Amino acid sequence: MELEMIEDLEDWGLRVTRLIELVALTNQTLQMHRDGGDSGLIVRQYEELLAEHQQELDELLKSRGLTLKVVISDSAA
């Protein structure tokens, strides 16, 4: 494997890892706002942000011919 291909794959892996972290953190923050009874606007903003992170992760995985289903469990918070 060429060095450039390896570096590209490493960069891709770091991006995937970061997006998974963002999905987890955004979900945790969203749950905190839901549980805290915060306004619907704040909750919707975090729902939209979570969807954006998930979509970006999906697109990044598809670029390598992969799919991953992220399911938010009730016990995650």
PDB file of N, CA and C in Angstrom:
ATOM      1  N   MET A   1       0.848  -1.182   0.000  1.00  0.00           N
ATOM      2  CA  MET A   1       0.000   0.000   0.000  1.00  0.00           C
ATOM      3  C   MET A   1       0.892   1.244   0.000  1.00  0.00           C
ATOM      4  N   GLU A   2       0.562   2.183  -0.846  1.00  0.00           N
ATOM      5  CA  GLU A   2       1.356   3.399  -0.910  1.00  0.00           C
ATOM      6  C   GLU A   2       1.177   4.235   0.347  1.00  0.00           C
ATOM      7  N   LEU A   3       2.204   5.009   0.662  1.00  0.00           N
ATOM      8  CA  LEU A   3       2.167   5.858   1.847  1.00  0.00           C
ATOM      9  C   LEU A   3       0.992   6.829   1.792  1.00  0.00           C
ATOM     10  N   GLU A   4       0.723   7.387   0.630  1.00  0.00           N
ATOM     11  CA  GLU A   4      -0.391   8.334   0.482  1.00  0.00           C
ATOM     12  C   GLU A   4      -1.731   7.659   0.771  1.00  0.00           C
ATOM     13  N   MET A   5      -1.889   6.420   0.324  1.00  0.00           N
ATOM     14  CA  MET A   5      -3.126   5.687   0.579  1.00  0.00           C
ATOM     15  C   MET A   5      -3.288   5.400   2.070  1.00  0.00           C
ATOM     16  N   ILE A   6      -2.191   5.072   2.725  1.00  0.00           N
ATOM     17  CA  ILE A   6      -2.231   4.799   4.163  1.00  0.00           C
ATOM     18  C   ILE A   6      -2.594   6.064   4.927  1.00  0.00           C
ATOM     19  N   GLU A   7      -1.969   7.180   4.555  1.00  0.00           N
ATOM     20  CA  GLU A   7      -2.275   8.447   5.214  1.00  0.00           C
ATOM     21  C   GLU A   7      -3.726   8.845   4.993  1.00  0.00           C
ATOM     22  N   ASP A   8      -4.233   8.594   3.790  1.00  0.00           N
ATOM     23  CA  ASP A   8      -5.630   8.907   3.489  1.00  0.00           C
ATOM     24  C   ASP A   8      -6.566   8.059   4.348  1.00  0.00           C
ATOM     25  N   LEU A   9      -6.244   6.793   4.494  1.00  0.00           N
ATOM     26  CA  LEU A   9      -7.061   5.899   5.316  1.00  0.00           C
ATOM     27  C   LEU A   9      -6.993   6.285   6.794  1.00  0.00           C
ATOM     28  N   GLU A  10      -5.818   6.690   7.250  1.00  0.00           N
ATOM     29  CA  GLU A  10      -5.680   7.144   8.639  1.00  0.00           C
ATOM     30  C   GLU A  10      -6.510   8.400   8.883  1.00  0.00           C
ATOM     31  N   ASP A  11      -6.476   9.333   7.943  1.00  0.00           N
ATOM     32  CA  ASP A  11      -7.270  10.559   8.055  1.00  0.00           C
ATOM     33  C   ASP A  11      -8.755  10.223   8.083  1.00  0.00           C
ATOM     34  N   TRP A  12      -9.165   9.319   7.216  1.00  0.00           N
ATOM     35  CA  TRP A  12     -10.564   8.890   7.173  1.00  0.00           C
ATOM     36  C   TRP A  12     -10.960   8.280   8.519  1.00  0.00           C
ATOM     37  N   GLY A  13     -10.106   7.435   9.066  1.00  0.00           N
ATOM     38  CA  GLY A  13     -10.389   6.796  10.349  1.00  0.00           C
ATOM     39  C   GLY A  13     -10.510   7.798  11.483  1.00  0.00           C
ATOM     40  N   LEU A  14      -9.669   8.807  11.475  1.00  0.00           N
ATOM     41  CA  LEU A  14      -9.753   9.854  12.499  1.00  0.00           C
ATOM     42  C   LEU A  14     -11.056  10.636  12.377  1.00  0.00           C
ATOM     43  N   ARG A  15     -11.469  10.901  11.150  1.00  0.00           N
ATOM     44  CA  ARG A  15     -12.729  11.620  10.936  1.00  0.00           C
ATOM     45  C   ARG A  15     -13.918  10.783  11.402  1.00  0.00           C
ATOM     46  N   VAL A  16     -13.897   9.495  11.105  1.00  0.00           N
ATOM     47  CA  VAL A  16     -14.975   8.603  11.554  1.00  0.00           C
ATOM     48  C   VAL A  16     -15.019   8.569  13.080  1.00  0.00           C
ATOM     49  N   THR A  17     -13.870   8.423  13.694  1.00  0.00           N
ATOM     50  CA  THR A  17     -13.796   8.391  15.156  1.00  0.00           C
ATOM     51  C   THR A  17     -14.337   9.676  15.761  1.00  0.00           C
ATOM     52  N   ARG A  18     -13.939  10.811  15.208  1.00  0.00           N
ATOM     53  CA  ARG A  18     -14.401  12.097  15.734  1.00  0.00           C
ATOM     54  C   ARG A  18     -15.912  12.236  15.586  1.00  0.00           C
ATOM     55  N   LEU A  19     -16.454  11.797  14.467  1.00  0.00           N
ATOM     56  CA  LEU A  19     -17.902  11.893  14.275  1.00  0.00           C
ATOM     57  C   LEU A  19     -18.660  10.988  15.246  1.00  0.00           C
ATOM     58  N   ILE A  20     -18.136   9.817  15.519  1.00  0.00           N
ATOM     59  CA  ILE A  20     -18.782   8.944  16.504  1.00  0.00           C
ATOM     60  C   ILE A  20     -18.765   9.616  17.877  1.00  0.00           C
ATOM     61  N   GLU A  21     -17.651  10.253  18.217  1.00  0.00           N
ATOM     62  CA  GLU A  21     -17.585  11.001  19.480  1.00  0.00           C
ATOM     63  C   GLU A  21     -18.620  12.119  19.503  1.00  0.00           C
ATOM     64  N   LEU A  22     -18.745  12.847  18.394  1.00  0.00           N
ATOM     65  CA  LEU A  22     -19.713  13.943  18.325  1.00  0.00           C
ATOM     66  C   LEU A  22     -21.143  13.438  18.449  1.00  0.00           C
ATOM     67  N   VAL A  23     -21.435  12.298  17.832  1.00  0.00           N
ATOM     68  CA  VAL A  23     -22.773  11.712  17.958  1.00  0.00           C
ATOM     69  C   VAL A  23     -23.049  11.388  19.423  1.00  0.00           C
ATOM     70  N   ALA A  24     -22.093  10.766  20.086  1.00  0.00           N
ATOM     71  CA  ALA A  24     -22.280  10.394  21.495  1.00  0.00           C
ATOM     72  C   ALA A  24     -22.431  11.623  22.389  1.00  0.00           C
ATOM     73  N   LEU A  25     -21.580  12.612  22.201  1.00  0.00           N
ATOM     74  CA  LEU A  25     -21.647  13.819  23.028  1.00  0.00           C
ATOM     75  C   LEU A  25     -22.920  14.615  22.778  1.00  0.00           C
ATOM     76  N   THR A  26     -23.300  14.725  21.516  1.00  0.00           N
ATOM     77  CA  THR A  26     -24.518  15.464  21.185  1.00  0.00           C
ATOM     78  C   THR A  26     -25.738  14.749  21.742  1.00  0.00           C
ATOM     79  N   ASN A  27     -25.749  13.431  21.652  1.00  0.00           N
ATOM     80  CA  ASN A  27     -26.864  12.671  22.209  1.00  0.00           C
ATOM     81  C   ASN A  27     -26.952  12.859  23.717  1.00  0.00           C
ATOM     82  N   GLN A  28     -25.820  12.830  24.394  1.00  0.00           N
ATOM     83  CA  GLN A  28     -25.800  13.017  25.844  1.00  0.00           C
ATOM     84  C   GLN A  28     -26.310  14.416  26.210  1.00  0.00           C
ATOM     85  N   THR A  29     -25.883  15.419  25.468  1.00  0.00           N
ATOM     86  CA  THR A  29     -26.329  16.790  25.723  1.00  0.00           C
ATOM     87  C   THR A  29     -27.815  16.934  25.443  1.00  0.00           C
ATOM     88  N   LEU A  30     -28.273  16.329  24.367  1.00  0.00           N
ATOM     89  CA  LEU A  30     -29.695  16.357  24.029  1.00  0.00           C
ATOM     90  C   LEU A  30     -30.524  15.737  25.146  1.00  0.00           C
ATOM     91  N   GLN A  31     -30.096  14.591  25.632  1.00  0.00           N
ATOM     92  CA  GLN A  31     -30.829  13.918  26.704  1.00  0.00           C
ATOM     93  C   GLN A  31     -30.855  14.763  27.971  1.00  0.00           C
ATOM     94  N   MET A  32     -29.744  15.435  28.253  1.00  0.00           N
ATOM     95  CA  MET A  32     -29.673  16.302  29.423  1.00  0.00           C
ATOM     96  C   MET A  32     -30.708  17.432  29.323  1.00  0.00           C
ATOM     97  N   HIS A  33     -30.827  18.017  28.138  1.00  0.00           N
ATOM     98  CA  HIS A  33     -31.798  19.095  27.942  1.00  0.00           C
ATOM     99  C   HIS A  33     -33.235  18.570  27.993  1.00  0.00           C
ATOM    100  N   ARG A  34     -33.455  17.391  27.446  1.00  0.00           N
ATOM    101  CA  ARG A  34     -34.800  16.798  27.525  1.00  0.00           C
ATOM    102  C   ARG A  34     -35.177  16.524  28.977  1.00  0.00           C
ATOM    103  N   ASP A  35     -34.264  15.890  29.698  1.00  0.00           N
ATOM    104  CA  ASP A  35     -34.529  15.553  31.099  1.00  0.00           C
ATOM    105  C   ASP A  35     -34.686  16.794  31.967  1.00  0.00           C
ATOM    106  N   GLY A  36     -34.008  17.865  31.584  1.00  0.00           N
ATOM    107  CA  GLY A  36     -34.070  19.104  32.347  1.00  0.00           C
ATOM    108  C   GLY A  36     -35.288  19.945  32.042  1.00  0.00           C
ATOM    109  N   GLY A  37     -36.105  19.484  31.106  1.00  0.00           N
ATOM    110  CA  GLY A  37     -37.316  20.217  30.757  1.00  0.00           C
ATOM    111  C   GLY A  37     -37.043  21.521  30.031  1.00  0.00           C
ATOM    112  N   ASP A  38     -35.922  21.585  29.325  1.00  0.00           N
ATOM    113  CA  ASP A  38     -35.582  22.804  28.599  1.00  0.00           C
ATOM    114  C   ASP A  38     -36.545  23.049  27.450  1.00  0.00           C
ATOM    115  N   SER A  39     -36.467  24.240  26.904  1.00  0.00           N
ATOM    116  CA  SER A  39     -37.403  24.648  25.857  1.00  0.00           C
ATOM    117  C   SER A  39     -37.313  23.742  24.635  1.00  0.00           C
ATOM    118  N   GLY A  40     -38.420  23.682  23.929  1.00  0.00           N
ATOM    119  CA  GLY A  40     -38.482  22.879  22.716  1.00  0.00           C
ATOM    120  C   GLY A  40     -37.479  23.332  21.677  1.00  0.00           C
ATOM    121  N   LEU A  41     -37.186  24.622  21.647  1.00  0.00           N
ATOM    122  CA  LEU A  41     -36.232  25.159  20.680  1.00  0.00           C
ATOM    123  C   LEU A  41     -34.842  24.570  20.911  1.00  0.00           C
ATOM    124  N   ILE A  42     -34.410  24.542  22.147  1.00  0.00           N
ATOM    125  CA  ILE A  42     -33.087  23.993  22.462  1.00  0.00           C
ATOM    126  C   ILE A  42     -33.037  22.510  22.102  1.00  0.00           C
ATOM    127  N   VAL A  43     -34.066  21.782  22.458  1.00  0.00           N
ATOM    128  CA  VAL A  43     -34.122  20.351  22.162  1.00  0.00           C
ATOM    129  C   VAL A  43     -34.084  20.126  20.654  1.00  0.00           C
ATOM    130  N   ARG A  44     -34.867  20.886  19.902  1.00  0.00           N
ATOM    131  CA  ARG A  44     -34.880  20.733  18.435  1.00  0.00           C
ATOM    132  C   ARG A  44     -33.520  21.046  17.829  1.00  0.00           C
ATOM    133  N   GLN A  45     -32.839  22.050  18.359  1.00  0.00           N
ATOM    134  CA  GLN A  45     -31.513  22.389  17.839  1.00  0.00           C
ATOM    135  C   GLN A  45     -30.538  21.228  18.033  1.00  0.00           C
ATOM    136  N   TYR A  46     -30.588  20.593  19.186  1.00  0.00           N
ATOM    137  CA  TYR A  46     -29.707  19.445  19.414  1.00  0.00           C
ATOM    138  C   TYR A  46     -30.137  18.231  18.594  1.00  0.00           C
ATOM    139  N   GLU A  47     -31.428  18.067  18.368  1.00  0.00           N
ATOM    140  CA  GLU A  47     -31.896  16.985  17.493  1.00  0.00           C
ATOM    141  C   GLU A  47     -31.380  17.195  16.078  1.00  0.00           C
ATOM    142  N   GLU A  48     -31.418  18.437  15.605  1.00  0.00           N
ATOM    143  CA  GLU A  48     -30.916  18.745  14.265  1.00  0.00           C
ATOM    144  C   GLU A  48     -29.413  18.530  14.182  1.00  0.00           C
ATOM    145  N   LEU A  49     -28.692  18.962  15.212  1.00  0.00           N
ATOM    146  CA  LEU A  49     -27.244  18.773  15.236  1.00  0.00           C
ATOM    147  C   LEU A  49     -26.890  17.289  15.244  1.00  0.00           C
ATOM    148  N   LEU A  50     -27.621  16.504  16.015  1.00  0.00           N
ATOM    149  CA  LEU A  50     -27.401  15.061  16.053  1.00  0.00           C
ATOM    150  C   LEU A  50     -27.639  14.446  14.676  1.00  0.00           C
ATOM    151  N   ALA A  51     -28.708  14.852  14.019  1.00  0.00           N
ATOM    152  CA  ALA A  51     -29.008  14.339  12.676  1.00  0.00           C
ATOM    153  C   ALA A  51     -27.906  14.721  11.686  1.00  0.00           C
ATOM    154  N   GLU A  52     -27.378  15.932  11.806  1.00  0.00           N
ATOM    155  CA  GLU A  52     -26.288  16.367  10.921  1.00  0.00           C
ATOM    156  C   GLU A  52     -25.044  15.512  11.130  1.00  0.00           C
ATOM    157  N   HIS A  53     -24.692  15.264  12.385  1.00  0.00           N
ATOM    158  CA  HIS A  53     -23.522  14.423  12.671  1.00  0.00           C
ATOM    159  C   HIS A  53     -23.729  13.014  12.127  1.00  0.00           C
ATOM    160  N   GLN A  54     -24.929  12.473  12.307  1.00  0.00           N
ATOM    161  CA  GLN A  54     -25.211  11.122  11.818  1.00  0.00           C
ATOM    162  C   GLN A  54     -25.157  11.067  10.294  1.00  0.00           C
ATOM    163  N   GLN A  55     -25.675  12.092   9.632  1.00  0.00           N
ATOM    164  CA  GLN A  55     -25.646  12.121   8.173  1.00  0.00           C
ATOM    165  C   GLN A  55     -24.209  12.219   7.664  1.00  0.00           C
ATOM    166  N   GLU A  56     -23.412  13.069   8.292  1.00  0.00           N
ATOM    167  CA  GLU A  56     -22.015  13.201   7.886  1.00  0.00           C
ATOM    168  C   GLU A  56     -21.265  11.882   8.080  1.00  0.00           C
ATOM    169  N   LEU A  57     -21.541  11.197   9.184  1.00  0.00           N
ATOM    170  CA  LEU A  57     -20.925   9.894   9.433  1.00  0.00           C
ATOM    171  C   LEU A  57     -21.359   8.888   8.370  1.00  0.00           C
ATOM    172  N   ASP A  58     -22.641   8.860   8.045  1.00  0.00           N
ATOM    173  CA  ASP A  58     -23.150   7.957   7.005  1.00  0.00           C
ATOM    174  C   ASP A  58     -22.443   8.193   5.675  1.00  0.00           C
ATOM    175  N   GLU A  59     -22.311   9.465   5.294  1.00  0.00           N
ATOM    176  CA  GLU A  59     -21.680   9.797   4.016  1.00  0.00           C
ATOM    177  C   GLU A  59     -20.206   9.406   4.004  1.00  0.00           C
ATOM    178  N   LEU A  60     -19.530   9.630   5.112  1.00  0.00           N
ATOM    179  CA  LEU A  60     -18.120   9.280   5.202  1.00  0.00           C
ATOM    180  C   LEU A  60     -17.930   7.768   5.100  1.00  0.00           C
ATOM    181  N   LEU A  61     -18.776   7.008   5.762  1.00  0.00           N
ATOM    182  CA  LEU A  61     -18.698   5.554   5.683  1.00  0.00           C
ATOM    183  C   LEU A  61     -19.023   5.056   4.280  1.00  0.00           C
ATOM    184  N   LYS A  62     -20.050   5.627   3.665  1.00  0.00           N
ATOM    185  CA  LYS A  62     -20.432   5.215   2.312  1.00  0.00           C
ATOM    186  C   LYS A  62     -19.313   5.470   1.315  1.00  0.00           C
ATOM    187  N   SER A  63     -18.476   6.478   1.574  1.00  0.00           N
ATOM    188  CA  SER A  63     -17.362   6.768   0.673  1.00  0.00           C
ATOM    189  C   SER A  63     -16.366   5.612   0.612  1.00  0.00           C
ATOM    190  N   ARG A  64     -16.414   4.730   1.597  1.00  0.00           N
ATOM    191  CA  ARG A  64     -15.554   3.538   1.634  1.00  0.00           C
ATOM    192  C   ARG A  64     -16.357   2.253   1.461  1.00  0.00           C
ATOM    193  N   GLY A  65     -17.616   2.400   1.043  1.00  0.00           N
ATOM    194  CA  GLY A  65     -18.452   1.231   0.804  1.00  0.00           C
ATOM    195  C   GLY A  65     -18.973   0.581   2.072  1.00  0.00           C
ATOM    196  N   LEU A  66     -19.095   1.356   3.141  1.00  0.00           N
ATOM    197  CA  LEU A  66     -19.542   0.822   4.425  1.00  0.00           C
ATOM    198  C   LEU A  66     -20.824   1.500   4.879  1.00  0.00           C
ATOM    199  N   THR A  67     -21.561   0.800   5.707  1.00  0.00           N
ATOM    200  CA  THR A  67     -22.709   1.397   6.382  1.00  0.00           C
ATOM    201  C   THR A  67     -22.631   0.998   7.849  1.00  0.00           C
ATOM    202  N   LEU A  68     -23.201   1.833   8.683  1.00  0.00           N
ATOM    203  CA  LEU A  68     -23.224   1.584  10.115  1.00  0.00           C
ATOM    204  C   LEU A  68     -24.526   2.139  10.646  1.00  0.00           C
ATOM    205  N   LYS A  69     -25.215   1.344  11.425  1.00  0.00           N
ATOM    206  CA  LYS A  69     -26.471   1.805  12.001  1.00  0.00           C
ATOM    207  C   LYS A  69     -26.212   2.196  13.447  1.00  0.00           C
ATOM    208  N   VAL A  70     -26.422   3.475  13.741  1.00  0.00           N
ATOM    209  CA  VAL A  70     -26.266   3.972  15.103  1.00  0.00           C
ATOM    210  C   VAL A  70     -27.653   4.067  15.709  1.00  0.00           C
ATOM    211  N   VAL A  71     -27.865   3.309  16.772  1.00  0.00           N
ATOM    212  CA  VAL A  71     -29.160   3.290  17.444  1.00  0.00           C
ATOM    213  C   VAL A  71     -28.966   3.882  18.832  1.00  0.00           C
ATOM    214  N   ILE A  72     -29.740   4.905  19.121  1.00  0.00           N
ATOM    215  CA  ILE A  72     -29.675   5.544  20.423  1.00  0.00           C
ATOM    216  C   ILE A  72     -30.544   4.738  21.388  1.00  0.00           C
ATOM    217  N   SER A  73     -29.919   4.174  22.406  1.00  0.00           N
ATOM    218  CA  SER A  73     -30.687   3.373  23.362  1.00  0.00           C
ATOM    219  C   SER A  73     -31.194   4.247  24.498  1.00  0.00           C
ATOM    220  N   ASP A  74     -32.255   3.800  25.132  1.00  0.00           N
ATOM    221  CA  ASP A  74     -32.834   4.545  26.247  1.00  0.00           C
ATOM    222  C   ASP A  74     -31.879   4.623  27.427  1.00  0.00           C
ATOM    223  N   SER A  75     -31.023   3.644  27.562  1.00  0.00           N
ATOM    224  CA  SER A  75     -30.121   3.606  28.712  1.00  0.00           C
ATOM    225  C   SER A  75     -28.820   4.353  28.460  1.00  0.00           C
ATOM    226  N   ALA A  76     -28.710   5.023  27.302  1.00  0.00           N
ATOM    227  CA  ALA A  76     -27.466   5.704  26.954  1.00  0.00           C
ATOM    228  C   ALA A  76     -27.188   6.898  27.842  1.00  0.00           C
ATOM    229  N   ALA A  77     -28.216   7.530  28.343  1.00  0.00           N
ATOM    230  CA  ALA A  77     -28.013   8.736  29.150  1.00  0.00           C
ATOM    231  C   ALA A  77     -27.695   8.383  30.518  1.00  0.00           C
TER     232      ALA A  77
END
